[in-house]
Amino acid sequence: MFSKAFPYEEQIWNIQDEQGFRSRIIAYTPELLLMEWHFFNEGYVIPWHNHYHTQISYIVKGSAKVVFDDGSEKMCKAGEAVSFSPNENHSVVTMEPDTVIMDAFNPVRLDHIENHKKL
């Protein structure tokens, strides 16, 4: 069994680019990772990428255009969510400044945890 508290004070922001975004790990287990992303500007592009994790993204604030592997697009506003299958190529463009997105990944993305531990 894996149980752990994740106090706010221990959730370190990983500043990627003061003009781009910052991220923090909210909580994780061996099977699941929950992260918050804060994008500062409209038009920030998360380039095409994929990973072997299932992903669900929830738009907390602002809006984003999501582009799927098949080329289709979905405009997502605050309160909406989108999911990605493992190894599905996807891209995201923020449509408003101060867009906040929560991502859940299964299994846990060790690369993100390692990046945050380096701080």
C-alpha atoms as a PDB file:
ATOM      1  CA  MET A   1       0.000   0.000   0.000  1.00  0.00           C
ATOM      2  CA  PHE A   2       1.218   3.494  -0.860  1.00  0.00           C
ATOM      3  CA  SER A   3      -0.069   6.355   1.279  1.00  0.00           C
ATOM      4  CA  LYS A   4       1.527   9.762   1.570  1.00  0.00           C
ATOM      5  CA  ALA A   5       0.489  13.352   2.225  1.00  0.00           C
ATOM      6  CA  PHE A   6       1.622  16.063  -0.195  1.00  0.00           C
ATOM      7  CA  PRO A   7       1.563  19.382   1.707  1.00  0.00           C
ATOM      8  CA  TYR A   8       1.440  22.538  -0.388  1.00  0.00           C
ATOM      9  CA  GLU A   9       4.780  23.714   1.054  1.00  0.00           C
ATOM     10  CA  GLU A  10       6.495  20.663  -0.463  1.00  0.00           C
ATOM     11  CA  GLN A  11       5.053  21.155  -3.947  1.00  0.00           C
ATOM     12  CA  ILE A  12       8.004  22.818  -5.637  1.00  0.00           C
ATOM     13  CA  TRP A  13       7.332  24.903  -8.745  1.00  0.00           C
ATOM     14  CA  ASN A  14       9.648  23.993 -11.589  1.00  0.00           C
ATOM     15  CA  ILE A  15      10.154  27.228 -13.529  1.00  0.00           C
ATOM     16  CA  GLN A  16      10.773  26.167 -17.119  1.00  0.00           C
ATOM     17  CA  ASP A  17      10.816  29.604 -18.672  1.00  0.00           C
ATOM     18  CA  GLU A  18       9.706  32.849 -17.058  1.00  0.00           C
ATOM     19  CA  GLN A  19       8.064  33.797 -20.360  1.00  0.00           C
ATOM     20  CA  GLY A  20       6.511  30.369 -20.885  1.00  0.00           C
ATOM     21  CA  PHE A  21       5.298  28.205 -18.068  1.00  0.00           C
ATOM     22  CA  ARG A  22       5.883  26.639 -14.701  1.00  0.00           C
ATOM     23  CA  SER A  23       4.806  23.258 -13.377  1.00  0.00           C
ATOM     24  CA  ARG A  24       4.513  21.430 -10.091  1.00  0.00           C
ATOM     25  CA  ILE A  25       3.777  17.921  -8.961  1.00  0.00           C
ATOM     26  CA  ILE A  26       0.641  17.839  -6.824  1.00  0.00           C
ATOM     27  CA  ALA A  27       0.772  14.158  -5.830  1.00  0.00           C
ATOM     28  CA  TYR A  28       1.802  10.735  -7.096  1.00  0.00           C
ATOM     29  CA  THR A  29       1.672   7.035  -6.424  1.00  0.00           C
ATOM     30  CA  PRO A  30       3.517   4.265  -8.256  1.00  0.00           C
ATOM     31  CA  GLU A  31       0.606   4.157 -10.725  1.00  0.00           C
ATOM     32  CA  LEU A  32      -0.555   7.777 -11.035  1.00  0.00           C
ATOM     33  CA  LEU A  33       0.882  11.307 -11.272  1.00  0.00           C
ATOM     34  CA  LEU A  34      -1.084  14.549 -10.847  1.00  0.00           C
ATOM     35  CA  MET A  35       0.550  17.780 -12.074  1.00  0.00           C
ATOM     36  CA  GLU A  36      -0.379  21.438 -12.491  1.00  0.00           C
ATOM     37  CA  TRP A  37       0.869  23.548 -15.390  1.00  0.00           C
ATOM     38  CA  HIS A  38       0.588  27.345 -15.447  1.00  0.00           C
ATOM     39  CA  PHE A  39       1.121  28.901 -18.881  1.00  0.00           C
ATOM     40  CA  PHE A  40       1.811  32.621 -18.712  1.00  0.00           C
ATOM     41  CA  ASN A  41       0.976  33.677 -22.268  1.00  0.00           C
ATOM     42  CA  GLU A  42      -1.561  33.138 -24.990  1.00  0.00           C
ATOM     43  CA  GLY A  43      -0.095  31.187 -27.893  1.00  0.00           C
ATOM     44  CA  TYR A  44       2.311  29.005 -25.899  1.00  0.00           C
ATOM     45  CA  VAL A  45       2.858  25.836 -27.954  1.00  0.00           C
ATOM     46  CA  ILE A  46       3.477  22.435 -26.436  1.00  0.00           C
ATOM     47  CA  PRO A  47       4.981  20.771 -29.515  1.00  0.00           C
ATOM     48  CA  TRP A  48       3.975  17.409 -30.936  1.00  0.00           C
ATOM     49  CA  HIS A  49       4.968  14.645 -28.582  1.00  0.00           C
ATOM     50  CA  ASN A  50       3.849  11.278 -27.283  1.00  0.00           C
ATOM     51  CA  HIS A  51       4.546   9.032 -24.310  1.00  0.00           C
ATOM     52  CA  TYR A  52       3.506   5.562 -23.250  1.00  0.00           C
ATOM     53  CA  HIS A  53       1.310   6.979 -20.474  1.00  0.00           C
ATOM     54  CA  THR A  54      -2.448   7.446 -20.563  1.00  0.00           C
ATOM     55  CA  GLN A  55      -3.142  11.137 -19.918  1.00  0.00           C
ATOM     56  CA  ILE A  56      -6.163  13.143 -18.842  1.00  0.00           C
ATOM     57  CA  SER A  57      -5.913  16.941 -18.977  1.00  0.00           C
ATOM     58  CA  TYR A  58      -8.375  19.214 -17.155  1.00  0.00           C
ATOM     59  CA  ILE A  59      -8.524  22.912 -17.997  1.00  0.00           C
ATOM     60  CA  VAL A  60      -8.740  24.734 -14.656  1.00  0.00           C
ATOM     61  CA  LYS A  61      -8.474  28.275 -15.999  1.00  0.00           C
ATOM     62  CA  GLY A  62      -8.251  29.794 -19.455  1.00  0.00           C
ATOM     63  CA  SER A  63      -8.493  27.766 -22.637  1.00  0.00           C
ATOM     64  CA  ALA A  64      -6.384  25.679 -24.986  1.00  0.00           C
ATOM     65  CA  LYS A  65      -6.558  24.186 -28.461  1.00  0.00           C
ATOM     66  CA  VAL A  66      -5.723  20.493 -28.424  1.00  0.00           C
ATOM     67  CA  VAL A  67      -4.556  18.815 -31.632  1.00  0.00           C
ATOM     68  CA  PHE A  68      -4.896  15.045 -31.821  1.00  0.00           C
ATOM     69  CA  ASP A  69      -2.907  12.392 -33.685  1.00  0.00           C
ATOM     70  CA  ASP A  70      -5.471  12.276 -36.513  1.00  0.00           C
ATOM     71  CA  GLY A  71      -5.203  16.042 -37.083  1.00  0.00           C
ATOM     72  CA  SER A  72      -8.532  16.882 -35.456  1.00  0.00           C
ATOM     73  CA  GLU A  73      -8.677  19.827 -33.064  1.00  0.00           C
ATOM     74  CA  LYS A  74     -10.695  20.539 -29.932  1.00  0.00           C
ATOM     75  CA  MET A  75     -11.051  23.907 -28.261  1.00  0.00           C
ATOM     76  CA  CYS A  76     -11.141  23.301 -24.501  1.00  0.00           C
ATOM     77  CA  LYS A  77     -12.226  25.917 -21.996  1.00  0.00           C
ATOM     78  CA  ALA A  78     -12.130  25.976 -18.202  1.00  0.00           C
ATOM     79  CA  GLY A  79     -14.110  23.080 -16.767  1.00  0.00           C
ATOM     80  CA  GLU A  80     -13.482  20.763 -19.731  1.00  0.00           C
ATOM     81  CA  ALA A  81     -11.179  17.763 -20.000  1.00  0.00           C
ATOM     82  CA  VAL A  82      -9.512  15.737 -22.723  1.00  0.00           C
ATOM     83  CA  SER A  83      -7.780  12.342 -22.711  1.00  0.00           C
ATOM     84  CA  PHE A  84      -4.901  10.875 -24.709  1.00  0.00           C
ATOM     85  CA  SER A  85      -4.215   7.212 -25.337  1.00  0.00           C
ATOM     86  CA  PRO A  86      -0.727   5.783 -24.785  1.00  0.00           C
ATOM     87  CA  ASN A  87       1.690   6.706 -27.596  1.00  0.00           C
ATOM     88  CA  GLU A  88      -0.833   9.093 -29.195  1.00  0.00           C
ATOM     89  CA  ASN A  89       0.842  12.142 -30.734  1.00  0.00           C
ATOM     90  CA  HIS A  90      -0.669  15.385 -29.477  1.00  0.00           C
ATOM     91  CA  SER A  91       0.015  19.098 -29.258  1.00  0.00           C
ATOM     92  CA  VAL A  92      -1.507  21.929 -27.231  1.00  0.00           C
ATOM     93  CA  VAL A  93      -1.671  25.699 -27.814  1.00  0.00           C
ATOM     94  CA  THR A  94      -2.837  28.041 -25.062  1.00  0.00           C
ATOM     95  CA  MET A  95      -5.560  30.413 -26.218  1.00  0.00           C
ATOM     96  CA  GLU A  96      -5.510  32.794 -23.236  1.00  0.00           C
ATOM     97  CA  PRO A  97      -2.855  34.152 -20.874  1.00  0.00           C
ATOM     98  CA  ASP A  98      -2.695  32.539 -17.426  1.00  0.00           C
ATOM     99  CA  THR A  99      -4.063  29.185 -18.596  1.00  0.00           C
ATOM    100  CA  VAL A 100      -3.878  26.477 -15.914  1.00  0.00           C
ATOM    101  CA  ILE A 101      -4.061  22.785 -16.780  1.00  0.00           C
ATOM    102  CA  MET A 102      -4.071  19.761 -14.463  1.00  0.00           C
ATOM    103  CA  ASP A 103      -2.666  16.535 -15.928  1.00  0.00           C
ATOM    104  CA  ALA A 104      -3.054  12.996 -14.625  1.00  0.00           C
ATOM    105  CA  PHE A 105      -0.716  10.326 -16.006  1.00  0.00           C
ATOM    106  CA  ASN A 106      -0.898   6.543 -15.669  1.00  0.00           C
ATOM    107  CA  PRO A 107       1.534   4.999 -15.029  1.00  0.00           C
ATOM    108  CA  VAL A 108       3.448   7.646 -13.122  1.00  0.00           C
ATOM    109  CA  ARG A 109       5.805   9.736 -15.291  1.00  0.00           C
ATOM    110  CA  LEU A 110       9.152   9.221 -13.634  1.00  0.00           C
ATOM    111  CA  ASP A 111      10.773  11.761 -15.985  1.00  0.00           C
ATOM    112  CA  HIS A 112       8.670  14.567 -14.504  1.00  0.00           C
ATOM    113  CA  ILE A 113       9.380  13.435 -10.936  1.00  0.00           C
ATOM    114  CA  GLU A 114      13.113  13.318 -11.642  1.00  0.00           C
ATOM    115  CA  ASN A 115      13.039  16.807 -13.216  1.00  0.00           C
ATOM    116  CA  HIS A 116      11.384  18.218 -10.099  1.00  0.00           C
ATOM    117  CA  LYS A 117      13.780  16.424  -7.746  1.00  0.00           C
ATOM    118  CA  LYS A 118      16.724  18.202  -9.416  1.00  0.00           C
ATOM    119  CA  LEU A 119      15.545  21.557  -8.085  1.00  0.00           C
END
